[in-house]
Amino acid sequence: MADEEPRDIKLDLEKDCLANNCQHKVLAYNACLERIKDIPSEKEPHCYHQYFDIVHCVDVCVDPKLWPTLV
């Protein structure tokens, strides 16, 4: 056991939150990507707001699960 590599559970928690708690944000982001894919790049279309909504959702979901493990 002492020779085992430490494992970062944050990545597992993020994947779980992304798949379960934040799926609605992912769907909104994907819908935005679909809406802007045919817009010329000169107009600089983006989905920044939807992307950061996902990041925020995952952070809020992971936070209470991660801190108790950091002892």
PDB file of N, CA and C in Angstrom:
ATOM      1  N   MET A   1       0.805  -1.197   0.000  1.00  0.00           N
ATOM      2  CA  MET A   1       0.000   0.000   0.000  1.00  0.00           C
ATOM      3  C   MET A   1       0.851   1.264   0.000  1.00  0.00           C
ATOM      4  N   ALA A   2       1.975   1.240   0.689  1.00  0.00           N
ATOM      5  CA  ALA A   2       2.798   2.434   0.778  1.00  0.00           C
ATOM      6  C   ALA A   2       3.422   2.793  -0.567  1.00  0.00           C
ATOM      7  N   ASP A   3       3.559   1.815  -1.455  1.00  0.00           N
ATOM      8  CA  ASP A   3       4.166   2.062  -2.757  1.00  0.00           C
ATOM      9  C   ASP A   3       3.164   2.514  -3.815  1.00  0.00           C
ATOM     10  N   GLU A   4       1.898   2.592  -3.462  1.00  0.00           N
ATOM     11  CA  GLU A   4       0.883   3.007  -4.427  1.00  0.00           C
ATOM     12  C   GLU A   4       1.037   4.483  -4.774  1.00  0.00           C
ATOM     13  N   GLU A   5       0.780   4.783  -6.030  1.00  0.00           N
ATOM     14  CA  GLU A   5       0.791   6.175  -6.468  1.00  0.00           C
ATOM     15  C   GLU A   5      -0.406   6.895  -5.861  1.00  0.00           C
ATOM     16  N   PRO A   6      -0.204   8.109  -5.381  1.00  0.00           N
ATOM     17  CA  PRO A   6      -1.363   8.871  -4.900  1.00  0.00           C
ATOM     18  C   PRO A   6      -2.324   9.130  -6.057  1.00  0.00           C
ATOM     19  N   ARG A   7      -3.590   9.126  -5.750  1.00  0.00           N
ATOM     20  CA  ARG A   7      -4.598   9.294  -6.789  1.00  0.00           C
ATOM     21  C   ARG A   7      -5.345  10.605  -6.572  1.00  0.00           C
ATOM     22  N   ASP A   8      -5.484  11.361  -7.623  1.00  0.00           N
ATOM     23  CA  ASP A   8      -6.202  12.626  -7.557  1.00  0.00           C
ATOM     24  C   ASP A   8      -7.692  12.357  -7.762  1.00  0.00           C
ATOM     25  N   ILE A   9      -8.454  12.401  -6.677  1.00  0.00           N
ATOM     26  CA  ILE A   9      -9.882  12.098  -6.787  1.00  0.00           C
ATOM     27  C   ILE A   9     -10.667  13.263  -7.384  1.00  0.00           C
ATOM     28  N   LYS A  10     -10.030  14.424  -7.466  1.00  0.00           N
ATOM     29  CA  LYS A  10     -10.729  15.593  -8.016  1.00  0.00           C
ATOM     30  C   LYS A  10     -11.196  15.331  -9.448  1.00  0.00           C
ATOM     31  N   LEU A  11     -10.367  14.677 -10.236  1.00  0.00           N
ATOM     32  CA  LEU A  11     -10.744  14.384 -11.626  1.00  0.00           C
ATOM     33  C   LEU A  11     -11.965  13.471 -11.684  1.00  0.00           C
ATOM     34  N   ASP A  12     -11.997  12.472 -10.808  1.00  0.00           N
ATOM     35  CA  ASP A  12     -13.158  11.573 -10.759  1.00  0.00           C
ATOM     36  C   ASP A  12     -14.412  12.327 -10.335  1.00  0.00           C
ATOM     37  N   LEU A  13     -14.264  13.204  -9.344  1.00  0.00           N
ATOM     38  CA  LEU A  13     -15.403  13.995  -8.880  1.00  0.00           C
ATOM     39  C   LEU A  13     -15.898  14.929  -9.982  1.00  0.00           C
ATOM     40  N   GLU A  14     -14.970  15.527 -10.713  1.00  0.00           N
ATOM     41  CA  GLU A  14     -15.358  16.427 -11.808  1.00  0.00           C
ATOM     42  C   GLU A  14     -16.122  15.675 -12.892  1.00  0.00           C
ATOM     43  N   LYS A  15     -15.635  14.491 -13.250  1.00  0.00           N
ATOM     44  CA  LYS A  15     -16.328  13.689 -14.269  1.00  0.00           C
ATOM     45  C   LYS A  15     -17.727  13.313 -13.806  1.00  0.00           C
ATOM     46  N   ASP A  16     -17.847  12.937 -12.538  1.00  0.00           N
ATOM     47  CA  ASP A  16     -19.152  12.563 -11.993  1.00  0.00           C
ATOM     48  C   ASP A  16     -20.103  13.760 -11.993  1.00  0.00           C
ATOM     49  N   CYS A  17     -19.620  14.900 -11.550  1.00  0.00           N
ATOM     50  CA  CYS A  17     -20.458  16.106 -11.522  1.00  0.00           C
ATOM     51  C   CYS A  17     -20.855  16.526 -12.933  1.00  0.00           C
ATOM     52  N   LEU A  18     -19.922  16.434 -13.852  1.00  0.00           N
ATOM     53  CA  LEU A  18     -20.202  16.807 -15.238  1.00  0.00           C
ATOM     54  C   LEU A  18     -21.286  15.921 -15.834  1.00  0.00           C
ATOM     55  N   ALA A  19     -21.216  14.637 -15.545  1.00  0.00           N
ATOM     56  CA  ALA A  19     -22.175  13.685 -16.115  1.00  0.00           C
ATOM     57  C   ALA A  19     -23.531  13.722 -15.425  1.00  0.00           C
ATOM     58  N   ASN A  20     -23.555  14.047 -14.142  1.00  0.00           N
ATOM     59  CA  ASN A  20     -24.802  13.939 -13.384  1.00  0.00           C
ATOM     60  C   ASN A  20     -25.424  15.277 -12.989  1.00  0.00           C
ATOM     61  N   ASN A  21     -24.648  16.154 -12.400  1.00  0.00           N
ATOM     62  CA  ASN A  21     -25.208  17.391 -11.865  1.00  0.00           C
ATOM     63  C   ASN A  21     -25.213  18.548 -12.860  1.00  0.00           C
ATOM     64  N   CYS A  22     -24.327  18.511 -13.832  1.00  0.00           N
ATOM     65  CA  CYS A  22     -24.156  19.662 -14.725  1.00  0.00           C
ATOM     66  C   CYS A  22     -24.522  19.348 -16.167  1.00  0.00           C
ATOM     67  N   GLN A  23     -25.238  18.277 -16.380  1.00  0.00           N
ATOM     68  CA  GLN A  23     -25.586  17.868 -17.737  1.00  0.00           C
ATOM     69  C   GLN A  23     -26.401  18.938 -18.466  1.00  0.00           C
ATOM     70  N   HIS A  24     -27.263  19.643 -17.735  1.00  0.00           N
ATOM     71  CA  HIS A  24     -28.065  20.692 -18.373  1.00  0.00           C
ATOM     72  C   HIS A  24     -27.185  21.828 -18.902  1.00  0.00           C
ATOM     73  N   LYS A  25     -26.078  22.096 -18.226  1.00  0.00           N
ATOM     74  CA  LYS A  25     -25.146  23.132 -18.695  1.00  0.00           C
ATOM     75  C   LYS A  25     -24.402  22.656 -19.944  1.00  0.00           C
ATOM     76  N   VAL A  26     -24.059  21.372 -19.960  1.00  0.00           N
ATOM     77  CA  VAL A  26     -23.389  20.802 -21.131  1.00  0.00           C
ATOM     78  C   VAL A  26     -24.322  20.848 -22.340  1.00  0.00           C
ATOM     79  N   LEU A  27     -25.586  20.534 -22.127  1.00  0.00           N
ATOM     80  CA  LEU A  27     -26.563  20.585 -23.218  1.00  0.00           C
ATOM     81  C   LEU A  27     -26.712  22.006 -23.757  1.00  0.00           C
ATOM     82  N   ALA A  28     -26.720  22.986 -22.866  1.00  0.00           N
ATOM     83  CA  ALA A  28     -26.817  24.387 -23.297  1.00  0.00           C
ATOM     84  C   ALA A  28     -25.576  24.794 -24.096  1.00  0.00           C
ATOM     85  N   TYR A  29     -24.415  24.333 -23.670  1.00  0.00           N
ATOM     86  CA  TYR A  29     -23.170  24.625 -24.390  1.00  0.00           C
ATOM     87  C   TYR A  29     -23.188  23.991 -25.780  1.00  0.00           C
ATOM     88  N   ASN A  30     -23.596  22.727 -25.849  1.00  0.00           N
ATOM     89  CA  ASN A  30     -23.665  22.038 -27.141  1.00  0.00           C
ATOM     90  C   ASN A  30     -24.676  22.701 -28.075  1.00  0.00           C
ATOM     91  N   ALA A  31     -25.789  23.158 -27.521  1.00  0.00           N
ATOM     92  CA  ALA A  31     -26.786  23.867 -28.330  1.00  0.00           C
ATOM     93  C   ALA A  31     -26.195  25.166 -28.875  1.00  0.00           C
ATOM     94  N   CYS A  32     -25.434  25.856 -28.064  1.00  0.00           N
ATOM     95  CA  CYS A  32     -24.776  27.087 -28.510  1.00  0.00           C
ATOM     96  C   CYS A  32     -23.794  26.782 -29.639  1.00  0.00           C
ATOM     97  N   LEU A  33     -23.009  25.730 -29.482  1.00  0.00           N
ATOM     98  CA  LEU A  33     -22.061  25.357 -30.535  1.00  0.00           C
ATOM     99  C   LEU A  33     -22.773  25.076 -31.850  1.00  0.00           C
ATOM    100  N   GLU A  34     -23.921  24.423 -31.766  1.00  0.00           N
ATOM    101  CA  GLU A  34     -24.706  24.144 -32.973  1.00  0.00           C
ATOM    102  C   GLU A  34     -25.215  25.440 -33.614  1.00  0.00           C
ATOM    103  N   ARG A  35     -25.658  26.380 -32.767  1.00  0.00           N
ATOM    104  CA  ARG A  35     -26.185  27.652 -33.282  1.00  0.00           C
ATOM    105  C   ARG A  35     -25.117  28.464 -34.006  1.00  0.00           C
ATOM    106  N   ILE A  36     -23.899  28.425 -33.498  1.00  0.00           N
ATOM    107  CA  ILE A  36     -22.870  29.315 -34.053  1.00  0.00           C
ATOM    108  C   ILE A  36     -22.002  28.668 -35.122  1.00  0.00           C
ATOM    109  N   LYS A  37     -22.157  27.383 -35.364  1.00  0.00           N
ATOM    110  CA  LYS A  37     -21.225  26.716 -36.279  1.00  0.00           C
ATOM    111  C   LYS A  37     -21.284  27.258 -37.707  1.00  0.00           C
ATOM    112  N   ASP A  38     -22.404  27.805 -38.125  1.00  0.00           N
ATOM    113  CA  ASP A  38     -22.516  28.334 -39.481  1.00  0.00           C
ATOM    114  C   ASP A  38     -22.312  29.846 -39.565  1.00  0.00           C
ATOM    115  N   ILE A  39     -22.014  30.466 -38.440  1.00  0.00           N
ATOM    116  CA  ILE A  39     -21.761  31.909 -38.430  1.00  0.00           C
ATOM    117  C   ILE A  39     -20.306  32.140 -38.844  1.00  0.00           C
ATOM    118  N   PRO A  40     -20.066  33.050 -39.762  1.00  0.00           N
ATOM    119  CA  PRO A  40     -18.684  33.306 -40.208  1.00  0.00           C
ATOM    120  C   PRO A  40     -17.785  33.708 -39.039  1.00  0.00           C
ATOM    121  N   SER A  41     -16.550  33.232 -39.068  1.00  0.00           N
ATOM    122  CA  SER A  41     -15.625  33.496 -37.963  1.00  0.00           C
ATOM    123  C   SER A  41     -15.272  34.973 -37.825  1.00  0.00           C
ATOM    124  N   GLU A  42     -15.447  35.751 -38.901  1.00  0.00           N
ATOM    125  CA  GLU A  42     -15.175  37.194 -38.801  1.00  0.00           C
ATOM    126  C   GLU A  42     -16.090  37.859 -37.777  1.00  0.00           C
ATOM    127  N   LYS A  43     -17.250  37.278 -37.587  1.00  0.00           N
ATOM    128  CA  LYS A  43     -18.198  37.846 -36.621  1.00  0.00           C
ATOM    129  C   LYS A  43     -17.869  37.419 -35.188  1.00  0.00           C
ATOM    130  N   GLU A  44     -16.850  36.588 -35.044  1.00  0.00           N
ATOM    131  CA  GLU A  44     -16.359  36.118 -33.749  1.00  0.00           C
ATOM    132  C   GLU A  44     -17.451  35.527 -32.864  1.00  0.00           C
ATOM    133  N   PRO A  45     -18.143  34.516 -33.345  1.00  0.00           N
ATOM    134  CA  PRO A  45     -19.151  33.876 -32.491  1.00  0.00           C
ATOM    135  C   PRO A  45     -18.460  33.086 -31.378  1.00  0.00           C
ATOM    136  N   HIS A  46     -19.097  33.004 -30.246  1.00  0.00           N
ATOM    137  CA  HIS A  46     -18.501  32.255 -29.138  1.00  0.00           C
ATOM    138  C   HIS A  46     -19.578  31.733 -28.198  1.00  0.00           C
ATOM    139  N   CYS A  47     -19.166  30.820 -27.363  1.00  0.00           N
ATOM    140  CA  CYS A  47     -20.047  30.251 -26.334  1.00  0.00           C
ATOM    141  C   CYS A  47     -19.365  30.360 -24.972  1.00  0.00           C
ATOM    142  N   TYR A  48     -18.666  31.459 -24.745  1.00  0.00           N
ATOM    143  CA  TYR A  48     -17.925  31.643 -23.501  1.00  0.00           C
ATOM    144  C   TYR A  48     -18.817  31.541 -22.276  1.00  0.00           C
ATOM    145  N   HIS A  49     -19.973  32.162 -22.334  1.00  0.00           N
ATOM    146  CA  HIS A  49     -20.857  32.169 -21.162  1.00  0.00           C
ATOM    147  C   HIS A  49     -21.289  30.751 -20.802  1.00  0.00           C
ATOM    148  N   GLN A  50     -21.649  29.986 -21.796  1.00  0.00           N
ATOM    149  CA  GLN A  50     -22.084  28.616 -21.544  1.00  0.00           C
ATOM    150  C   GLN A  50     -20.922  27.764 -21.032  1.00  0.00           C
ATOM    151  N   TYR A  51     -19.731  27.994 -21.569  1.00  0.00           N
ATOM    152  CA  TYR A  51     -18.553  27.255 -21.108  1.00  0.00           C
ATOM    153  C   TYR A  51     -18.278  27.553 -19.633  1.00  0.00           C
ATOM    154  N   PHE A  52     -18.284  28.824 -19.274  1.00  0.00           N
ATOM    155  CA  PHE A  52     -18.004  29.182 -17.889  1.00  0.00           C
ATOM    156  C   PHE A  52     -19.135  28.762 -16.952  1.00  0.00           C
ATOM    157  N   ASP A  53     -20.353  28.645 -17.468  1.00  0.00           N
ATOM    158  CA  ASP A  53     -21.443  28.075 -16.670  1.00  0.00           C
ATOM    159  C   ASP A  53     -21.133  26.629 -16.303  1.00  0.00           C
ATOM    160  N   ILE A  54     -20.559  25.880 -17.237  1.00  0.00           N
ATOM    161  CA  ILE A  54     -20.176  24.490 -16.959  1.00  0.00           C
ATOM    162  C   ILE A  54     -19.085  24.451 -15.897  1.00  0.00           C
ATOM    163  N   VAL A  55     -18.052  25.259 -16.072  1.00  0.00           N
ATOM    164  CA  VAL A  55     -16.937  25.285 -15.121  1.00  0.00           C
ATOM    165  C   VAL A  55     -17.440  25.629 -13.725  1.00  0.00           C
ATOM    166  N   HIS A  56     -18.302  26.624 -13.631  1.00  0.00           N
ATOM    167  CA  HIS A  56     -18.844  27.032 -12.334  1.00  0.00           C
ATOM    168  C   HIS A  56     -19.686  25.912 -11.718  1.00  0.00           C
ATOM    169  N   CYS A  57     -20.521  25.288 -12.510  1.00  0.00           N
ATOM    170  CA  CYS A  57     -21.373  24.204 -12.023  1.00  0.00           C
ATOM    171  C   CYS A  57     -20.525  23.062 -11.464  1.00  0.00           C
ATOM    172  N   VAL A  58     -19.484  22.685 -12.190  1.00  0.00           N
ATOM    173  CA  VAL A  58     -18.609  21.599 -11.735  1.00  0.00           C
ATOM    174  C   VAL A  58     -17.898  22.000 -10.446  1.00  0.00           C
ATOM    175  N   ASP A  59     -17.393  23.222 -10.377  1.00  0.00           N
ATOM    176  CA  ASP A  59     -16.714  23.686  -9.161  1.00  0.00           C
ATOM    177  C   ASP A  59     -17.635  23.637  -7.949  1.00  0.00           C
ATOM    178  N   VAL A  60     -18.855  24.114  -8.118  1.00  0.00           N
ATOM    179  CA  VAL A  60     -19.819  24.129  -7.013  1.00  0.00           C
ATOM    180  C   VAL A  60     -20.170  22.705  -6.584  1.00  0.00           C
ATOM    181  N   CYS A  61     -20.251  21.803  -7.526  1.00  0.00           N
ATOM    182  CA  CYS A  61     -20.584  20.409  -7.233  1.00  0.00           C
ATOM    183  C   CYS A  61     -19.424  19.685  -6.541  1.00  0.00           C
ATOM    184  N   VAL A  62     -18.208  19.907  -7.018  1.00  0.00           N
ATOM    185  CA  VAL A  62     -17.035  19.196  -6.496  1.00  0.00           C
ATOM    186  C   VAL A  62     -16.635  19.701  -5.113  1.00  0.00           C
ATOM    187  N   ASP A  63     -16.745  20.987  -4.889  1.00  0.00           N
ATOM    188  CA  ASP A  63     -16.245  21.618  -3.666  1.00  0.00           C
ATOM    189  C   ASP A  63     -16.639  20.899  -2.375  1.00  0.00           C
ATOM    190  N   PRO A  64     -17.912  20.672  -2.094  1.00  0.00           N
ATOM    191  CA  PRO A  64     -18.255  20.047  -0.812  1.00  0.00           C
ATOM    192  C   PRO A  64     -17.832  18.577  -0.717  1.00  0.00           C
ATOM    193  N   LYS A  65     -17.571  17.944  -1.839  1.00  0.00           N
ATOM    194  CA  LYS A  65     -17.145  16.542  -1.831  1.00  0.00           C
ATOM    195  C   LYS A  65     -15.629  16.421  -1.688  1.00  0.00           C
ATOM    196  N   LEU A  66     -14.904  17.413  -2.175  1.00  0.00           N
ATOM    197  CA  LEU A  66     -13.447  17.341  -2.186  1.00  0.00           C
ATOM    198  C   LEU A  66     -12.823  17.759  -0.858  1.00  0.00           C
ATOM    199  N   TRP A  67     -13.299  18.840  -0.270  1.00  0.00           N
ATOM    200  CA  TRP A  67     -12.667  19.370   0.939  1.00  0.00           C
ATOM    201  C   TRP A  67     -12.591  18.374   2.090  1.00  0.00           C
ATOM    202  N   PRO A  68     -13.608  17.572   2.343  1.00  0.00           N
ATOM    203  CA  PRO A  68     -13.483  16.608   3.447  1.00  0.00           C
ATOM    204  C   PRO A  68     -12.381  15.565   3.233  1.00  0.00           C
ATOM    205  N   THR A  69     -11.956  15.351   2.002  1.00  0.00           N
ATOM    206  CA  THR A  69     -10.915  14.351   1.737  1.00  0.00           C
ATOM    207  C   THR A  69      -9.515  14.914   1.929  1.00  0.00           C
ATOM    208  N   LEU A  70      -9.398  16.225   2.062  1.00  0.00           N
ATOM    209  CA  LEU A  70      -8.088  16.866   2.181  1.00  0.00           C
ATOM    210  C   LEU A  70      -7.684  17.002   3.646  1.00  0.00           C
ATOM    211  N   VAL A  71      -7.418  15.886   4.239  1.00  0.00           N
ATOM    212  CA  VAL A  71      -7.049  15.884   5.662  1.00  0.00           C
ATOM    213  C   VAL A  71      -5.574  15.630   5.809  1.00  0.00           C
TER     214      VAL A  71
END
